[in-house]
Protein backbone atom coordinates (compact mmCIF):
# COMPACT_ATOMS: atom_id res chain seq x y z
CA UNK A 1 -151.53 38.41 -106.95
CA UNK A 2 -150.36 40.82 -110.18
CA UNK A 3 -151.96 44.00 -108.07
CA UNK A 4 -149.49 42.99 -104.83
CA UNK A 5 -146.24 43.04 -107.11
CA UNK A 6 -147.48 46.09 -108.91
CA UNK A 7 -147.97 48.06 -104.92
CA UNK A 8 -144.41 47.00 -104.02
CA UNK A 9 -142.91 48.25 -107.17
CA UNK A 10 -144.37 51.68 -106.25
CA UNK A 11 -143.49 51.38 -102.67
CA UNK A 12 -139.61 50.75 -103.77
CA UNK A 13 -139.73 53.67 -106.26
CA UNK A 14 -140.87 55.98 -103.59
CA UNK A 15 -138.28 54.65 -100.99
CA UNK A 16 -135.52 55.22 -103.85
CA UNK A 17 -137.03 58.35 -104.64
CA UNK A 18 -137.06 59.54 -101.41
CA UNK A 19 -133.72 58.47 -99.84
CA UNK A 20 -132.48 59.65 -103.31
CA UNK A 21 -133.57 63.26 -102.89
CA UNK A 22 -131.74 62.92 -99.21
CA UNK A 23 -128.31 61.87 -100.46
CA UNK A 24 -128.69 64.73 -103.64
CA UNK A 25 -129.16 67.34 -100.65
CA UNK A 26 -126.72 65.89 -98.37
CA UNK A 27 -123.99 66.26 -101.25
CA UNK A 28 -124.96 69.87 -102.00
CA UNK A 29 -124.61 70.94 -98.49
CA UNK A 30 -120.99 69.16 -98.22
CA UNK A 31 -119.93 70.23 -101.96
CA UNK A 32 -121.22 73.83 -100.22
CA UNK A 33 -119.11 73.64 -97.18
CA UNK A 34 -115.92 72.26 -99.09
CA UNK A 35 -116.03 75.20 -101.43
CA UNK A 36 -116.08 77.44 -98.45
CA UNK A 37 -112.92 75.94 -97.03
CA UNK A 38 -114.74 74.31 -93.77
CA UNK A 39 -112.53 71.07 -94.37
CA UNK A 40 -109.55 72.92 -95.29
CA UNK A 41 -106.83 71.80 -92.22
CA UNK A 42 -105.22 75.07 -92.76
CA UNK A 43 -108.00 76.90 -91.35
CA UNK A 44 -107.62 75.24 -88.72
CA UNK A 45 -104.39 76.17 -87.63
CA UNK A 46 -104.09 78.98 -84.88
CA UNK A 47 -103.30 82.09 -85.87
CA UNK A 48 -101.49 85.04 -83.68
CA UNK A 49 -97.92 85.39 -81.87
CA UNK A 50 -98.07 82.66 -78.58
CA UNK A 51 -95.43 84.14 -76.04
CA UNK A 52 -93.20 81.88 -73.52
CA UNK A 53 -94.21 83.18 -69.58
CA UNK A 54 -93.18 86.02 -68.35
CA UNK A 55 -93.24 87.75 -72.29
CA UNK A 56 -95.81 89.95 -73.99
CA UNK A 57 -96.55 89.24 -78.02
CA UNK A 58 -100.21 90.57 -79.10
CA UNK A 59 -101.74 91.98 -82.15
CA UNK A 60 -99.42 90.32 -84.49
CA UNK A 61 -100.42 91.38 -88.12
CA UNK A 62 -98.35 90.17 -91.10
CA UNK A 63 -99.08 92.01 -94.31
CA UNK A 64 -96.95 93.25 -97.04
CA UNK A 65 -93.84 91.23 -96.18
CA UNK A 66 -93.98 93.01 -93.28
CA UNK A 67 -94.37 91.53 -89.52
CA UNK A 68 -95.77 93.72 -86.75
CA UNK A 69 -96.77 93.08 -83.32
CA UNK A 70 -96.38 94.11 -79.65
CA UNK A 71 -93.51 92.80 -77.64
CA UNK A 72 -92.83 92.74 -73.73
CA UNK A 73 -91.29 91.43 -71.14
CA UNK A 74 -91.91 90.90 -67.20
CA UNK A 75 -89.06 88.82 -66.09
CA UNK A 76 -87.93 91.37 -63.02
CA UNK A 77 -85.01 92.58 -64.72
CA UNK A 78 -84.43 95.54 -66.68
CA UNK A 79 -82.75 94.46 -70.35
CA UNK A 80 -79.90 96.80 -72.69
CA UNK A 81 -79.10 96.34 -75.85
CA UNK A 82 -82.22 94.39 -76.73
CA UNK A 83 -82.81 93.17 -80.29
CA UNK A 84 -85.47 90.60 -81.73
CA UNK A 85 -85.10 88.24 -84.49
CA UNK A 86 -87.45 86.35 -86.38
CA UNK A 87 -86.37 82.67 -87.15
CA UNK A 88 -88.68 81.16 -89.90
CA UNK A 89 -89.94 77.53 -89.02
CA UNK A 90 -87.08 74.98 -89.98
CA UNK A 91 -84.29 77.02 -89.39
CA UNK A 92 -82.53 77.06 -86.53
CA UNK A 93 -81.31 80.35 -84.11
CA UNK A 94 -77.59 81.29 -83.81
CA UNK A 95 -76.15 84.14 -81.76
CA UNK A 96 -74.72 85.66 -85.46
CA UNK A 97 -77.81 86.05 -87.10
CA UNK A 98 -78.60 89.77 -88.26
CA UNK A 99 -81.10 91.46 -85.62
CA UNK A 100 -84.75 92.03 -87.09
CA UNK A 101 -85.82 94.91 -84.41
CA UNK A 102 -83.57 96.70 -82.51
CA UNK A 103 -85.61 97.97 -79.39
CA UNK A 104 -82.51 99.02 -77.03
CA UNK A 105 -83.65 99.42 -73.25
CA UNK A 106 -86.53 97.79 -72.24
CA UNK A 107 -87.86 97.62 -68.31
CA UNK A 108 -89.84 94.44 -66.74
CA UNK A 109 -93.42 95.17 -67.72
CA UNK A 110 -92.80 97.62 -70.52
CA UNK A 111 -94.01 96.82 -73.78
CA UNK A 112 -93.30 97.92 -77.34
CA UNK A 113 -94.42 98.14 -80.66
CA UNK A 114 -92.12 96.57 -83.34
CA UNK A 115 -91.81 96.03 -86.87
CA UNK A 116 -89.76 93.78 -88.71
CA UNK A 117 -89.72 94.50 -92.26
CA UNK A 118 -89.20 92.63 -95.97
CA UNK A 119 -89.53 89.67 -94.56
CA UNK A 120 -87.97 87.45 -97.35
CA UNK A 121 -90.00 85.62 -99.77
CA UNK A 122 -88.08 82.32 -99.14
CA UNK A 123 -89.52 82.79 -95.45
CA UNK A 124 -93.44 83.04 -96.40
CA UNK A 125 -95.30 83.04 -99.75
CA UNK A 126 -95.74 86.95 -99.10
CA UNK A 127 -99.18 86.51 -100.84
CA UNK A 128 -102.60 86.70 -99.43
CA UNK A 129 -103.47 83.62 -97.25
CA UNK A 130 -99.64 82.43 -97.77
CA UNK A 131 -98.73 81.37 -93.87
CA UNK A 132 -95.93 82.96 -92.01
CA UNK A 133 -94.49 80.70 -89.16
CA UNK A 134 -91.28 81.30 -86.83
CA UNK A 135 -89.97 81.79 -83.53
CA UNK A 136 -89.03 85.43 -82.01
CA UNK A 137 -85.56 85.46 -79.98
CA UNK A 138 -84.64 88.11 -77.76
CA UNK A 139 -80.72 88.97 -77.47
CA UNK A 140 -79.96 91.21 -74.62
CA UNK A 141 -77.53 92.24 -72.21
CA UNK A 142 -79.06 92.86 -68.51
CA UNK A 143 -78.47 96.49 -67.37
CA UNK A 144 -74.83 96.86 -66.23
CA UNK A 145 -73.53 93.94 -67.67
CA UNK A 146 -71.83 93.42 -71.41
CA UNK A 147 -72.74 89.40 -71.30
CA UNK A 148 -75.10 88.52 -73.96
CA UNK A 149 -78.25 86.63 -73.45
CA UNK A 150 -80.54 84.67 -75.92
CA UNK A 151 -84.00 83.09 -75.66
CA UNK A 152 -86.98 82.04 -77.14
CA UNK A 153 -89.72 84.40 -76.41
CA UNK A 154 -92.35 83.67 -78.77
CA UNK A 155 -94.11 81.52 -81.78
CA UNK A 156 -95.67 83.08 -84.45
CA UNK A 157 -98.26 81.75 -87.04
CA UNK A 158 -100.09 84.30 -89.02
CA UNK A 159 -101.54 84.50 -92.68
CA UNK A 160 -100.75 87.24 -94.71
CA UNK A 161 -103.23 89.76 -95.35
């Protein structure tokens, strides 16, 4: 009878050791994944410039408090006196905001490189990895008209590099 109890204890110890090693390996793998940032929700945030239909916004880069991207419009009309305004996430657009980029005229189907310099620290952390989120608004007049129009043309979400 004593011999059977010893075998059961040995079997129980082998069972615990086997599963103990498996649990230890899983814990090490999870720790490594956590340290690599796999479980960081910020890494799941889409990066880039998403344009509204009829507009083009590509190659967006946020570096050293400067935002650069390529902007274009394909609305079928030619724009005169075009300016772009970056509005940070959480703030609202108003026509009295200072333009961040002056493009002049931009015809339908045309693209232009845009740089918005010196984005204030209050809009983003301005450190590597800090996020910049906001909307791009265009203020323009149609060719041959003096009436100003404004509309949101893109949404930007980027990390500083």
